């Protein structure tokens, strides 16, 4: 992979990480600053549903943080963009679609086919 591509992904991953962390801080602030009283039980249920949805999103982002950090480590140690399974280069287009991926498209397709066969 060319240095300009590595620089792009290094910055992209850093920006993504900062965005996730900012959203997490905003969510914490929103949930601790607001004390709401609802006259209508339906309004309260809607607010609770929205809050639960936001927390599920933040949990998914929390898991993504670790993947971003691992991708950053791979950039630093020179293994970013190399498939962990077959050792071939992962295409830049695939990395742009999923910058934290560790598998090339062939190996990922094979993995998904195996999971389908096993019923996962």
PDB file of N, CA and C in Angstrom:
ATOM      1  N   UNK A   1       0.851  -1.172   0.000  1.00  0.00           N
ATOM      2  CA  UNK A   1       0.000   0.000   0.000  1.00  0.00           C
ATOM      3  C   UNK A   1       0.898   1.237   0.000  1.00  0.00           C
ATOM      4  N   UNK A   2       0.489   2.219  -0.747  1.00  0.00           N
ATOM      5  CA  UNK A   2       1.272   3.442  -0.852  1.00  0.00           C
ATOM      6  C   UNK A   2       1.140   4.278   0.425  1.00  0.00           C
ATOM      7  N   UNK A   3       2.154   5.096   0.673  1.00  0.00           N
ATOM      8  CA  UNK A   3       2.179   5.928   1.877  1.00  0.00           C
ATOM      9  C   UNK A   3       0.992   6.889   1.925  1.00  0.00           C
ATOM     10  N   UNK A   4       0.604   7.430   0.762  1.00  0.00           N
ATOM     11  CA  UNK A   4      -0.535   8.364   0.758  1.00  0.00           C
ATOM     12  C   UNK A   4      -1.815   7.658   1.200  1.00  0.00           C
ATOM     13  N   UNK A   5      -1.958   6.380   0.832  1.00  0.00           N
ATOM     14  CA  UNK A   5      -3.128   5.615   1.267  1.00  0.00           C
ATOM     15  C   UNK A   5      -3.078   5.382   2.771  1.00  0.00           C
ATOM     16  N   UNK A   6      -1.913   5.023   3.270  1.00  0.00           N
ATOM     17  CA  UNK A   6      -1.764   4.823   4.718  1.00  0.00           C
ATOM     18  C   UNK A   6      -2.059   6.110   5.479  1.00  0.00           C
ATOM     19  N   UNK A   7      -1.566   7.222   4.969  1.00  0.00           N
ATOM     20  CA  UNK A   7      -1.828   8.510   5.619  1.00  0.00           C
ATOM     21  C   UNK A   7      -3.321   8.816   5.628  1.00  0.00           C
ATOM     22  N   UNK A   8      -3.993   8.524   4.507  1.00  0.00           N
ATOM     23  CA  UNK A   8      -5.434   8.738   4.426  1.00  0.00           C
ATOM     24  C   UNK A   8      -6.160   7.918   5.492  1.00  0.00           C
ATOM     25  N   UNK A   9      -5.838   6.619   5.573  1.00  0.00           N
ATOM     26  CA  UNK A   9      -6.529   5.749   6.528  1.00  0.00           C
ATOM     27  C   UNK A   9      -6.166   6.094   7.965  1.00  0.00           C
ATOM     28  N   UNK A  10      -4.940   6.495   8.201  1.00  0.00           N
ATOM     29  CA  UNK A  10      -4.533   6.910   9.553  1.00  0.00           C
ATOM     30  C   UNK A  10      -5.403   8.089  10.003  1.00  0.00           C
ATOM     31  N   UNK A  11      -5.565   9.077   9.131  1.00  0.00           N
ATOM     32  CA  UNK A  11      -6.372  10.249   9.471  1.00  0.00           C
ATOM     33  C   UNK A  11      -7.857   9.900   9.562  1.00  0.00           C
ATOM     34  N   UNK A  12      -8.330   9.089   8.647  1.00  0.00           N
ATOM     35  CA  UNK A  12      -9.739   8.683   8.650  1.00  0.00           C
ATOM     36  C   UNK A  12     -10.089   7.949   9.941  1.00  0.00           C
ATOM     37  N   UNK A  13      -9.240   7.013  10.335  1.00  0.00           N
ATOM     38  CA  UNK A  13      -9.485   6.254  11.566  1.00  0.00           C
ATOM     39  C   UNK A  13      -9.433   7.165  12.786  1.00  0.00           C
ATOM     40  N   UNK A  14      -8.481   8.094  12.804  1.00  0.00           N
ATOM     41  CA  UNK A  14      -8.377   9.022  13.927  1.00  0.00           C
ATOM     42  C   UNK A  14      -9.621   9.912  14.008  1.00  0.00           C
ATOM     43  N   UNK A  15     -10.075  10.417  12.864  1.00  0.00           N
ATOM     44  CA  UNK A  15     -11.275  11.251  12.835  1.00  0.00           C
ATOM     45  C   UNK A  15     -12.500  10.451  13.293  1.00  0.00           C
ATOM     46  N   UNK A  16     -12.600   9.209  12.844  1.00  0.00           N
ATOM     47  CA  UNK A  16     -13.723   8.350  13.242  1.00  0.00           C
ATOM     48  C   UNK A  16     -13.715   8.115  14.743  1.00  0.00           C
ATOM     49  N   UNK A  17     -12.543   7.844  15.281  1.00  0.00           N
ATOM     50  CA  UNK A  17     -12.415   7.618  16.717  1.00  0.00           C
ATOM     51  C   UNK A  17     -12.832   8.860  17.501  1.00  0.00           C
ATOM     52  N   UNK A  18     -12.367  10.016  17.080  1.00  0.00           N
ATOM     53  CA  UNK A  18     -12.719  11.262  17.771  1.00  0.00           C
ATOM     54  C   UNK A  18     -14.224  11.530  17.695  1.00  0.00           C
ATOM     55  N   UNK A  19     -14.825  11.228  16.555  1.00  0.00           N
ATOM     56  CA  UNK A  19     -16.267  11.422  16.382  1.00  0.00           C
ATOM     57  C   UNK A  19     -17.054  10.516  17.327  1.00  0.00           C
ATOM     58  N   UNK A  20     -16.645   9.267  17.419  1.00  0.00           N
ATOM     59  CA  UNK A  20     -17.326   8.326  18.319  1.00  0.00           C
ATOM     60  C   UNK A  20     -17.195   8.779  19.767  1.00  0.00           C
ATOM     61  N   UNK A  21     -15.998   9.192  20.151  1.00  0.00           N
ATOM     62  CA  UNK A  21     -15.785   9.641  21.527  1.00  0.00           C
ATOM     63  C   UNK A  21     -16.606  10.895  21.838  1.00  0.00           C
ATOM     64  N   UNK A  22     -16.703  11.807  20.871  1.00  0.00           N
ATOM     65  CA  UNK A  22     -17.495  13.023  21.056  1.00  0.00           C
ATOM     66  C   UNK A  22     -18.974  12.665  21.235  1.00  0.00           C
ATOM     67  N   UNK A  23     -19.478  11.762  20.409  1.00  0.00           N
ATOM     68  CA  UNK A  23     -20.880  11.343  20.522  1.00  0.00           C
ATOM     69  C   UNK A  23     -21.145  10.690  21.877  1.00  0.00           C
ATOM     70  N   UNK A  24     -20.196   9.904  22.346  1.00  0.00           N
ATOM     71  CA  UNK A  24     -20.343   9.269  23.653  1.00  0.00           C
ATOM     72  C   UNK A  24     -20.431  10.292  24.764  1.00  0.00           C
ATOM     73  N   UNK A  25     -19.574  11.304  24.706  1.00  0.00           N
ATOM     74  CA  UNK A  25     -19.610  12.372  25.715  1.00  0.00           C
ATOM     75  C   UNK A  25     -20.932  13.128  25.658  1.00  0.00           C
ATOM     76  N   UNK A  26     -21.426  13.393  24.441  1.00  0.00           N
ATOM     77  CA  UNK A  26     -22.704  14.084  24.293  1.00  0.00           C
ATOM     78  C   UNK A  26     -23.846  13.252  24.878  1.00  0.00           C
ATOM     79  N   UNK A  27     -23.808  11.962  24.655  1.00  0.00           N
ATOM     80  CA  UNK A  27     -24.855  11.088  25.176  1.00  0.00           C
ATOM     81  C   UNK A  27     -24.840  11.090  26.693  1.00  0.00           C
ATOM     82  N   UNK A  28     -23.654  11.004  27.266  1.00  0.00           N
ATOM     83  CA  UNK A  28     -23.552  11.042  28.733  1.00  0.00           C
ATOM     84  C   UNK A  28     -24.102  12.357  29.255  1.00  0.00           C
ATOM     85  N   UNK A  29     -23.725  13.455  28.605  1.00  0.00           N
ATOM     86  CA  UNK A  29     -24.221  14.766  29.021  1.00  0.00           C
ATOM     87  C   UNK A  29     -25.729  14.872  28.905  1.00  0.00           C
ATOM     88  N   UNK A  30     -26.269  14.385  27.806  1.00  0.00           N
ATOM     89  CA  UNK A  30     -27.721  14.438  27.600  1.00  0.00           C
ATOM     90  C   UNK A  30     -28.467  13.629  28.652  1.00  0.00           C
ATOM     91  N   UNK A  31     -27.916  12.503  29.026  1.00  0.00           N
ATOM     92  CA  UNK A  31     -28.620  11.623  29.958  1.00  0.00           C
ATOM     93  C   UNK A  31     -28.476  12.067  31.410  1.00  0.00           C
ATOM     94  N   UNK A  32     -27.419  12.786  31.724  1.00  0.00           N
ATOM     95  CA  UNK A  32     -27.238  13.218  33.107  1.00  0.00           C
ATOM     96  C   UNK A  32     -27.804  14.611  33.357  1.00  0.00           C
ATOM     97  N   UNK A  33     -27.892  15.429  32.312  1.00  0.00           N
ATOM     98  CA  UNK A  33     -28.377  16.799  32.482  1.00  0.00           C
ATOM     99  C   UNK A  33     -29.893  16.896  32.493  1.00  0.00           C
ATOM    100  N   UNK A  34     -30.553  15.938  31.907  1.00  0.00           N
ATOM    101  CA  UNK A  34     -31.988  16.056  31.681  1.00  0.00           C
ATOM    102  C   UNK A  34     -32.786  15.255  32.702  1.00  0.00           C
ATOM    103  N   UNK A  35     -33.658  15.956  33.388  1.00  0.00           N
ATOM    104  CA  UNK A  35     -34.644  15.312  34.245  1.00  0.00           C
ATOM    105  C   UNK A  35     -35.990  15.703  33.654  1.00  0.00           C
ATOM    106  N   UNK A  36     -36.647  14.722  33.057  1.00  0.00           N
ATOM    107  CA  UNK A  36     -37.888  15.015  32.365  1.00  0.00           C
ATOM    108  C   UNK A  36     -39.065  14.365  33.085  1.00  0.00           C
ATOM    109  N   UNK A  37     -40.151  15.103  33.117  1.00  0.00           N
ATOM    110  CA  UNK A  37     -41.393  14.604  33.695  1.00  0.00           C
ATOM    111  C   UNK A  37     -42.404  14.562  32.557  1.00  0.00           C
ATOM    112  N   UNK A  38     -43.012  13.400  32.384  1.00  0.00           N
ATOM    113  CA  UNK A  38     -43.971  13.229  31.299  1.00  0.00           C
ATOM    114  C   UNK A  38     -45.367  13.039  31.874  1.00  0.00           C
ATOM    115  N   UNK A  39     -46.294  13.842  31.355  1.00  0.00           N
ATOM    116  CA  UNK A  39     -47.686  13.713  31.777  1.00  0.00           C
ATOM    117  C   UNK A  39     -48.340  12.516  31.100  1.00  0.00           C
ATOM    118  N   UNK A  40     -47.904  12.250  29.901  1.00  0.00           N
ATOM    119  CA  UNK A  40     -48.493  11.171  29.100  1.00  0.00           C
ATOM    120  C   UNK A  40     -47.574   9.945  29.134  1.00  0.00           C
ATOM    121  N   UNK A  41     -48.075   8.788  29.535  1.00  0.00           N
ATOM    122  CA  UNK A  41     -47.248   7.577  29.550  1.00  0.00           C
ATOM    123  C   UNK A  41     -46.685   7.221  28.171  1.00  0.00           C
ATOM    124  N   UNK A  42     -47.403   7.551  27.120  1.00  0.00           N
ATOM    125  CA  UNK A  42     -46.906   7.266  25.770  1.00  0.00           C
ATOM    126  C   UNK A  42     -45.657   8.103  25.463  1.00  0.00           C
ATOM    127  N   UNK A  43     -45.646   9.353  25.922  1.00  0.00           N
ATOM    128  CA  UNK A  43     -44.472  10.198  25.724  1.00  0.00           C
ATOM    129  C   UNK A  43     -43.269   9.630  26.477  1.00  0.00           C
ATOM    130  N   UNK A  44     -43.526   9.172  27.691  1.00  0.00           N
ATOM    131  CA  UNK A  44     -42.449   8.578  28.484  1.00  0.00           C
ATOM    132  C   UNK A  44     -41.915   7.314  27.808  1.00  0.00           C
ATOM    133  N   UNK A  45     -42.819   6.488  27.289  1.00  0.00           N
ATOM    134  CA  UNK A  45     -42.404   5.261  26.605  1.00  0.00           C
ATOM    135  C   UNK A  45     -41.580   5.582  25.362  1.00  0.00           C
ATOM    136  N   UNK A  46     -41.977   6.595  24.633  1.00  0.00           N
ATOM    137  CA  UNK A  46     -41.230   7.005  23.444  1.00  0.00           C
ATOM    138  C   UNK A  46     -39.839   7.485  23.836  1.00  0.00           C
ATOM    139  N   UNK A  47     -39.759   8.289  24.880  1.00  0.00           N
ATOM    140  CA  UNK A  47     -38.469   8.798  25.343  1.00  0.00           C
ATOM    141  C   UNK A  47     -37.567   7.651  25.805  1.00  0.00           C
ATOM    142  N   UNK A  48     -38.138   6.683  26.528  1.00  0.00           N
ATOM    143  CA  UNK A  48     -37.363   5.533  26.989  1.00  0.00           C
ATOM    144  C   UNK A  48     -36.891   4.684  25.815  1.00  0.00           C
ATOM    145  N   UNK A  49     -37.740   4.520  24.825  1.00  0.00           N
ATOM    146  CA  UNK A  49     -37.371   3.768  23.626  1.00  0.00           C
ATOM    147  C   UNK A  49     -36.228   4.471  22.885  1.00  0.00           C
ATOM    148  N   UNK A  50     -36.330   5.786  22.751  1.00  0.00           N
ATOM    149  CA  UNK A  50     -35.268   6.557  22.091  1.00  0.00           C
ATOM    150  C   UNK A  50     -33.955   6.449  22.869  1.00  0.00           C
ATOM    151  N   UNK A  51     -34.048   6.512  24.180  1.00  0.00           N
ATOM    152  CA  UNK A  51     -32.860   6.419  25.029  1.00  0.00           C
ATOM    153  C   UNK A  51     -32.208   5.037  24.896  1.00  0.00           C
ATOM    154  N   UNK A  52     -33.031   3.991  24.877  1.00  0.00           N
ATOM    155  CA  UNK A  52     -32.507   2.627  24.728  1.00  0.00           C
ATOM    156  C   UNK A  52     -31.836   2.457  23.362  1.00  0.00           C
ATOM    157  N   UNK A  53     -32.443   3.023  22.336  1.00  0.00           N
ATOM    158  CA  UNK A  53     -31.861   2.948  20.995  1.00  0.00           C
ATOM    159  C   UNK A  53     -30.507   3.656  20.961  1.00  0.00           C
ATOM    160  N   UNK A  54     -30.436   4.824  21.554  1.00  0.00           N
ATOM    161  CA  UNK A  54     -29.176   5.572  21.603  1.00  0.00           C
ATOM    162  C   UNK A  54     -28.104   4.778  22.344  1.00  0.00           C
ATOM    163  N   UNK A  55     -28.484   4.142  23.431  1.00  0.00           N
ATOM    164  CA  UNK A  55     -27.517   3.347  24.188  1.00  0.00           C
ATOM    165  C   UNK A  55     -27.036   2.136  23.385  1.00  0.00           C
ATOM    166  N   UNK A  56     -27.917   1.520  22.609  1.00  0.00           N
ATOM    167  CA  UNK A  56     -27.496   0.406  21.749  1.00  0.00           C
ATOM    168  C   UNK A  56     -26.506   0.889  20.698  1.00  0.00           C
ATOM    169  N   UNK A  57     -26.766   2.069  20.130  1.00  0.00           N
ATOM    170  CA  UNK A  57     -25.828   2.635  19.156  1.00  0.00           C
ATOM    171  C   UNK A  57     -24.467   2.894  19.790  1.00  0.00           C
ATOM    172  N   UNK A  58     -24.471   3.459  20.981  1.00  0.00           N
ATOM    173  CA  UNK A  58     -23.203   3.758  21.656  1.00  0.00           C
ATOM    174  C   UNK A  58     -22.455   2.476  22.012  1.00  0.00           C
ATOM    175  N   UNK A  59     -23.192   1.409  22.340  1.00  0.00           N
ATOM    176  CA  UNK A  59     -22.541   0.135  22.638  1.00  0.00           C
ATOM    177  C   UNK A  59     -21.863  -0.417  21.390  1.00  0.00           C
ATOM    178  N   UNK A  60     -22.526  -0.320  20.254  1.00  0.00           N
ATOM    179  CA  UNK A  60     -21.915  -0.760  18.994  1.00  0.00           C
ATOM    180  C   UNK A  60     -20.680   0.079  18.689  1.00  0.00           C
ATOM    181  N   UNK A  61     -20.768   1.375  18.948  1.00  0.00           N
ATOM    182  CA  UNK A  61     -19.622   2.251  18.712  1.00  0.00           C
ATOM    183  C   UNK A  61     -18.481   1.929  19.673  1.00  0.00           C
ATOM    184  N   UNK A  62     -18.828   1.532  20.893  1.00  0.00           N
ATOM    185  CA  UNK A  62     -17.795   1.152  21.868  1.00  0.00           C
ATOM    186  C   UNK A  62     -16.987  -0.029  21.329  1.00  0.00           C
ATOM    187  N   UNK A  63     -17.680  -0.983  20.723  1.00  0.00           N
ATOM    188  CA  UNK A  63     -16.992  -2.130  20.131  1.00  0.00           C
ATOM    189  C   UNK A  63     -16.159  -1.697  18.930  1.00  0.00           C
ATOM    190  N   UNK A  64     -16.667  -0.732  18.186  1.00  0.00           N
ATOM    191  CA  UNK A  64     -15.936  -0.229  17.025  1.00  0.00           C
ATOM    192  C   UNK A  64     -14.653   0.491  17.443  1.00  0.00           C
ATOM    193  N   UNK A  65     -14.664   1.126  18.601  1.00  0.00           N
ATOM    194  CA  UNK A  65     -13.465   1.817  19.094  1.00  0.00           C
ATOM    195  C   UNK A  65     -12.288   0.847  19.148  1.00  0.00           C
ATOM    196  N   UNK A  66     -12.515  -0.329  19.697  1.00  0.00           N
ATOM    197  CA  UNK A  66     -11.429  -1.313  19.806  1.00  0.00           C
ATOM    198  C   UNK A  66     -10.930  -1.716  18.423  1.00  0.00           C
ATOM    199  N   UNK A  67     -11.852  -1.902  17.470  1.00  0.00           N
ATOM    200  CA  UNK A  67     -11.450  -2.266  16.114  1.00  0.00           C
ATOM    201  C   UNK A  67     -10.649  -1.144  15.460  1.00  0.00           C
ATOM    202  N   UNK A  68     -11.039   0.096  15.711  1.00  0.00           N
ATOM    203  CA  UNK A  68     -10.293   1.227  15.171  1.00  0.00           C
ATOM    204  C   UNK A  68      -8.893   1.259  15.764  1.00  0.00           C
ATOM    205  N   UNK A  69      -8.796   1.061  17.068  1.00  0.00           N
ATOM    206  CA  UNK A  69      -7.486   1.056  17.720  1.00  0.00           C
ATOM    207  C   UNK A  69      -6.595  -0.059  17.177  1.00  0.00           C
ATOM    208  N   UNK A  70      -7.179  -1.224  16.927  1.00  0.00           N
ATOM    209  CA  UNK A  70      -6.411  -2.331  16.352  1.00  0.00           C
ATOM    210  C   UNK A  70      -5.956  -2.005  14.937  1.00  0.00           C
ATOM    211  N   UNK A  71      -6.816  -1.342  14.155  1.00  0.00           N
ATOM    212  CA  UNK A  71      -6.433  -0.935  12.798  1.00  0.00           C
ATOM    213  C   UNK A  71      -5.298   0.079  12.855  1.00  0.00           C
ATOM    214  N   UNK A  72      -5.363   1.006  13.803  1.00  0.00           N
ATOM    215  CA  UNK A  72      -4.280   1.983  13.968  1.00  0.00           C
ATOM    216  C   UNK A  72      -2.963   1.284  14.322  1.00  0.00           C
ATOM    217  N   UNK A  73      -3.046   0.264  15.164  1.00  0.00           N
ATOM    218  CA  UNK A  73      -1.849  -0.506  15.512  1.00  0.00           C
ATOM    219  C   UNK A  73      -1.283  -1.218  14.286  1.00  0.00           C
ATOM    220  N   UNK A  74      -2.165  -1.750  13.436  1.00  0.00           N
ATOM    221  CA  UNK A  74      -1.708  -2.416  12.207  1.00  0.00           C
ATOM    222  C   UNK A  74      -1.032  -1.429  11.267  1.00  0.00           C
ATOM    223  N   UNK A  75      -1.529  -0.196  11.219  1.00  0.00           N
ATOM    224  CA  UNK A  75      -0.875   0.822  10.393  1.00  0.00           C
ATOM    225  C   UNK A  75       0.538   1.049  10.916  1.00  0.00           C
ATOM    226  N   UNK A  76       0.676   1.176  12.214  1.00  0.00           N
ATOM    227  CA  UNK A  76       1.982   1.461  12.812  1.00  0.00           C
ATOM    228  C   UNK A  76       2.956   0.295  12.656  1.00  0.00           C
ATOM    229  N   UNK A  77       2.449  -0.943  12.730  1.00  0.00           N
ATOM    230  CA  UNK A  77       3.380  -2.077  12.631  1.00  0.00           C
ATOM    231  C   UNK A  77       3.541  -2.606  11.203  1.00  0.00           C
ATOM    232  N   UNK A  78       2.865  -1.939  10.248  1.00  0.00           N
ATOM    233  CA  UNK A  78       3.072  -2.289   8.848  1.00  0.00           C
ATOM    234  C   UNK A  78       2.230  -3.436   8.316  1.00  0.00           C
ATOM    235  N   UNK A  79       1.218  -3.866   9.072  1.00  0.00           N
ATOM    236  CA  UNK A  79       0.390  -4.980   8.611  1.00  0.00           C
ATOM    237  C   UNK A  79      -0.995  -4.536   8.152  1.00  0.00           C
ATOM    238  N   UNK A  80      -1.255  -3.233   8.168  1.00  0.00           N
ATOM    239  CA  UNK A  80      -2.565  -2.740   7.740  1.00  0.00           C
ATOM    240  C   UNK A  80      -2.743  -2.988   6.250  1.00  0.00           C
ATOM    241  N   UNK A  81      -3.915  -3.482   5.885  1.00  0.00           N
ATOM    242  CA  UNK A  81      -4.209  -3.722   4.480  1.00  0.00           C
ATOM    243  C   UNK A  81      -3.744  -5.076   3.978  1.00  0.00           C
ATOM    244  N   UNK A  82      -3.304  -5.924   4.900  1.00  0.00           N
ATOM    245  CA  UNK A  82      -2.884  -7.281   4.541  1.00  0.00           C
ATOM    246  C   UNK A  82      -3.866  -8.249   5.197  1.00  0.00           C
ATOM    247  N   UNK A  83      -4.432  -9.135   4.387  1.00  0.00           N
ATOM    248  CA  UNK A  83      -5.421 -10.093   4.870  1.00  0.00           C
ATOM    249  C   UNK A  83      -4.796 -11.017   5.913  1.00  0.00           C
ATOM    250  N   UNK A  84      -5.446 -11.136   7.062  1.00  0.00           N
ATOM    251  CA  UNK A  84      -4.945 -12.004   8.127  1.00  0.00           C
ATOM    252  C   UNK A  84      -5.039 -13.478   7.768  1.00  0.00           C
ATOM    253  N   UNK A  85      -5.911 -13.827   6.839  1.00  0.00           N
ATOM    254  CA  UNK A  85      -6.106 -15.228   6.505  1.00  0.00           C
ATOM    255  C   UNK A  85      -5.165 -15.699   5.391  1.00  0.00           C
ATOM    256  N   UNK A  86      -5.134 -14.963   4.278  1.00  0.00           N
ATOM    257  CA  UNK A  86      -4.352 -15.436   3.123  1.00  0.00           C
ATOM    258  C   UNK A  86      -3.064 -14.654   2.896  1.00  0.00           C
ATOM    259  N   UNK A  87      -2.900 -13.512   3.548  1.00  0.00           N
ATOM    260  CA  UNK A  87      -1.686 -12.723   3.405  1.00  0.00           C
ATOM    261  C   UNK A  87      -1.640 -11.821   2.184  1.00  0.00           C
ATOM    262  N   UNK A  88      -2.717 -11.825   1.406  1.00  0.00           N
ATOM    263  CA  UNK A  88      -2.787 -10.958   0.227  1.00  0.00           C
ATOM    264  C   UNK A  88      -3.185  -9.544   0.642  1.00  0.00           C
ATOM    265  N   UNK A  89      -2.927  -8.594  -0.266  1.00  0.00           N
ATOM    266  CA  UNK A  89      -3.347  -7.211  -0.013  1.00  0.00           C
ATOM    267  C   UNK A  89      -4.865  -7.106  -0.033  1.00  0.00           C
ATOM    268  N   UNK A  90      -5.385  -6.310   0.882  1.00  0.00           N
ATOM    269  CA  UNK A  90      -6.808  -5.973   0.881  1.00  0.00           C
ATOM    270  C   UNK A  90      -6.930  -4.734   0.003  1.00  0.00           C
ATOM    271  N   UNK A  91      -7.831  -4.752  -0.944  1.00  0.00           N
ATOM    272  CA  UNK A  91      -7.980  -3.629  -1.857  1.00  0.00           C
ATOM    273  C   UNK A  91      -8.346  -2.333  -1.156  1.00  0.00           C
ATOM    274  N   UNK A  92      -7.865  -1.227  -1.706  1.00  0.00           N
ATOM    275  CA  UNK A  92      -8.156   0.087  -1.138  1.00  0.00           C
ATOM    276  C   UNK A  92      -9.664   0.348  -1.134  1.00  0.00           C
ATOM    277  N   UNK A  93     -10.350  -0.091  -2.184  1.00  0.00           N
ATOM    278  CA  UNK A  93     -11.805   0.111  -2.233  1.00  0.00           C
ATOM    279  C   UNK A  93     -12.487  -0.592  -1.054  1.00  0.00           C
ATOM    280  N   UNK A  94     -12.049  -1.799  -0.727  1.00  0.00           N
ATOM    281  CA  UNK A  94     -12.632  -2.521   0.420  1.00  0.00           C
ATOM    282  C   UNK A  94     -12.301  -1.803   1.721  1.00  0.00           C
ATOM    283  N   UNK A  95     -11.081  -1.336   1.835  1.00  0.00           N
ATOM    284  CA  UNK A  95     -10.688  -0.619   3.050  1.00  0.00           C
ATOM    285  C   UNK A  95     -11.465   0.689   3.204  1.00  0.00           C
ATOM    286  N   UNK A  96     -11.767   1.339   2.084  1.00  0.00           N
ATOM    287  CA  UNK A  96     -12.571   2.561   2.178  1.00  0.00           C
ATOM    288  C   UNK A  96     -13.985   2.241   2.646  1.00  0.00           C
ATOM    289  N   UNK A  97     -14.510   1.090   2.229  1.00  0.00           N
ATOM    290  CA  UNK A  97     -15.848   0.681   2.654  1.00  0.00           C
ATOM    291  C   UNK A  97     -15.849   0.217   4.104  1.00  0.00           C
ATOM    292  N   UNK A  98     -14.783  -0.449   4.534  1.00  0.00           N
ATOM    293  CA  UNK A  98     -14.685  -0.998   5.891  1.00  0.00           C
ATOM    294  C   UNK A  98     -13.236  -0.868   6.359  1.00  0.00           C
ATOM    295  N   UNK A  99     -12.845   0.314   6.840  1.00  0.00           N
ATOM    296  CA  UNK A  99     -11.437   0.565   7.176  1.00  0.00           C
ATOM    297  C   UNK A  99     -10.855  -0.313   8.281  1.00  0.00           C
ATOM    298  N   UNK A 100     -11.698  -0.952   9.074  1.00  0.00           N
ATOM    299  CA  UNK A 100     -11.197  -1.782  10.175  1.00  0.00           C
ATOM    300  C   UNK A 100     -11.091  -3.252   9.789  1.00  0.00           C
ATOM    301  N   UNK A 101     -11.393  -3.589   8.538  1.00  0.00           N
ATOM    302  CA  UNK A 101     -11.397  -4.985   8.131  1.00  0.00           C
ATOM    303  C   UNK A 101     -10.011  -5.614   8.221  1.00  0.00           C
ATOM    304  N   UNK A 102     -10.017  -6.908   8.468  1.00  0.00           N
ATOM    305  CA  UNK A 102      -8.758  -7.658   8.523  1.00  0.00           C
ATOM    306  C   UNK A 102      -8.713  -8.739   7.452  1.00  0.00           C
ATOM    307  N   UNK A 103      -9.794  -8.846   6.669  1.00  0.00           N
ATOM    308  CA  UNK A 103      -9.885  -9.887   5.652  1.00  0.00           C
ATOM    309  C   UNK A 103     -10.127  -9.280   4.276  1.00  0.00           C
ATOM    310  N   UNK A 104      -9.504  -9.869   3.257  1.00  0.00           N
ATOM    311  CA  UNK A 104      -9.786  -9.464   1.883  1.00  0.00           C
ATOM    312  C   UNK A 104     -11.193  -9.920   1.522  1.00  0.00           C
ATOM    313  N   UNK A 105     -11.687  -9.460   0.412  1.00  0.00           N
ATOM    314  CA  UNK A 105     -13.064  -9.767   0.040  1.00  0.00           C
ATOM    315  C   UNK A 105     -13.270 -11.264  -0.191  1.00  0.00           C
ATOM    316  N   UNK A 106     -12.283 -11.953  -0.762  1.00  0.00           N
ATOM    317  CA  UNK A 106     -12.415 -13.398  -0.998  1.00  0.00           C
ATOM    318  C   UNK A 106     -12.520 -14.160   0.320  1.00  0.00           C
ATOM    319  N   UNK A 107     -11.644 -13.840   1.246  1.00  0.00           N
ATOM    320  CA  UNK A 107     -11.651 -14.549   2.533  1.00  0.00           C
ATOM    321  C   UNK A 107     -12.903 -14.212   3.338  1.00  0.00           C
ATOM    322  N   UNK A 108     -13.360 -12.968   3.272  1.00  0.00           N
ATOM    323  CA  UNK A 108     -14.577 -12.595   3.981  1.00  0.00           C
ATOM    324  C   UNK A 108     -15.782 -13.317   3.380  1.00  0.00           C
ATOM    325  N   UNK A 109     -15.841 -13.405   2.054  1.00  0.00           N
ATOM    326  CA  UNK A 109     -16.945 -14.118   1.400  1.00  0.00           C
ATOM    327  C   UNK A 109     -16.930 -15.587   1.789  1.00  0.00           C
ATOM    328  N   UNK A 110     -15.740 -16.181   1.834  1.00  0.00           N
ATOM    329  CA  UNK A 110     -15.613 -17.584   2.235  1.00  0.00           C
ATOM    330  C   UNK A 110     -16.068 -17.757   3.687  1.00  0.00           C
ATOM    331  N   UNK A 111     -15.662 -16.837   4.558  1.00  0.00           N
ATOM    332  CA  UNK A 111     -16.057 -16.900   5.965  1.00  0.00           C
ATOM    333  C   UNK A 111     -17.578 -16.814   6.106  1.00  0.00           C
ATOM    334  N   UNK A 112     -18.192 -15.904   5.374  1.00  0.00           N
ATOM    335  CA  UNK A 112     -19.647 -15.756   5.455  1.00  0.00           C
ATOM    336  C   UNK A 112     -20.358 -16.988   4.889  1.00  0.00           C
ATOM    337  N   UNK A 113     -19.814 -17.567   3.828  1.00  0.00           N
ATOM    338  CA  UNK A 113     -20.407 -18.788   3.272  1.00  0.00           C
ATOM    339  C   UNK A 113     -20.322 -19.930   4.266  1.00  0.00           C
ATOM    340  N   UNK A 114     -19.171 -20.040   4.953  1.00  0.00           N
ATOM    341  CA  UNK A 114     -19.021 -21.081   5.977  1.00  0.00           C
ATOM    342  C   UNK A 114     -20.015 -20.872   7.122  1.00  0.00           C
ATOM    343  N   UNK A 115     -20.214 -19.632   7.540  1.00  0.00           N
ATOM    344  CA  UNK A 115     -21.167 -19.337   8.609  1.00  0.00           C
ATOM    345  C   UNK A 115     -22.584 -19.699   8.181  1.00  0.00           C
ATOM    346  N   UNK A 116     -22.900 -19.427   6.921  1.00  0.00           N
ATOM    347  CA  UNK A 116     -24.229 -19.767   6.413  1.00  0.00           C
ATOM    348  C   UNK A 116     -24.431 -21.274   6.423  1.00  0.00           C
ATOM    349  N   UNK A 117     -23.420 -22.015   6.019  1.00  0.00           N
ATOM    350  CA  UNK A 117     -23.510 -23.475   6.024  1.00  0.00           C
ATOM    351  C   UNK A 117     -23.688 -24.034   7.431  1.00  0.00           C
ATOM    352  N   UNK A 118     -23.033 -23.402   8.398  1.00  0.00           N
ATOM    353  CA  UNK A 118     -23.137 -23.845   9.791  1.00  0.00           C
ATOM    354  C   UNK A 118     -24.406 -23.329  10.461  1.00  0.00           C
ATOM    355  N   UNK A 119     -25.111 -22.458   9.770  1.00  0.00           N
ATOM    356  CA  UNK A 119     -26.360 -21.924  10.325  1.00  0.00           C
ATOM    357  C   UNK A 119     -26.172 -20.807  11.337  1.00  0.00           C
ATOM    358  N   UNK A 120     -25.079 -20.109  11.247  1.00  0.00           N
ATOM    359  CA  UNK A 120     -24.815 -19.008  12.192  1.00  0.00           C
ATOM    360  C   UNK A 120     -25.429 -17.726  11.722  1.00  0.00           C
TER     361      UNK A 120
END
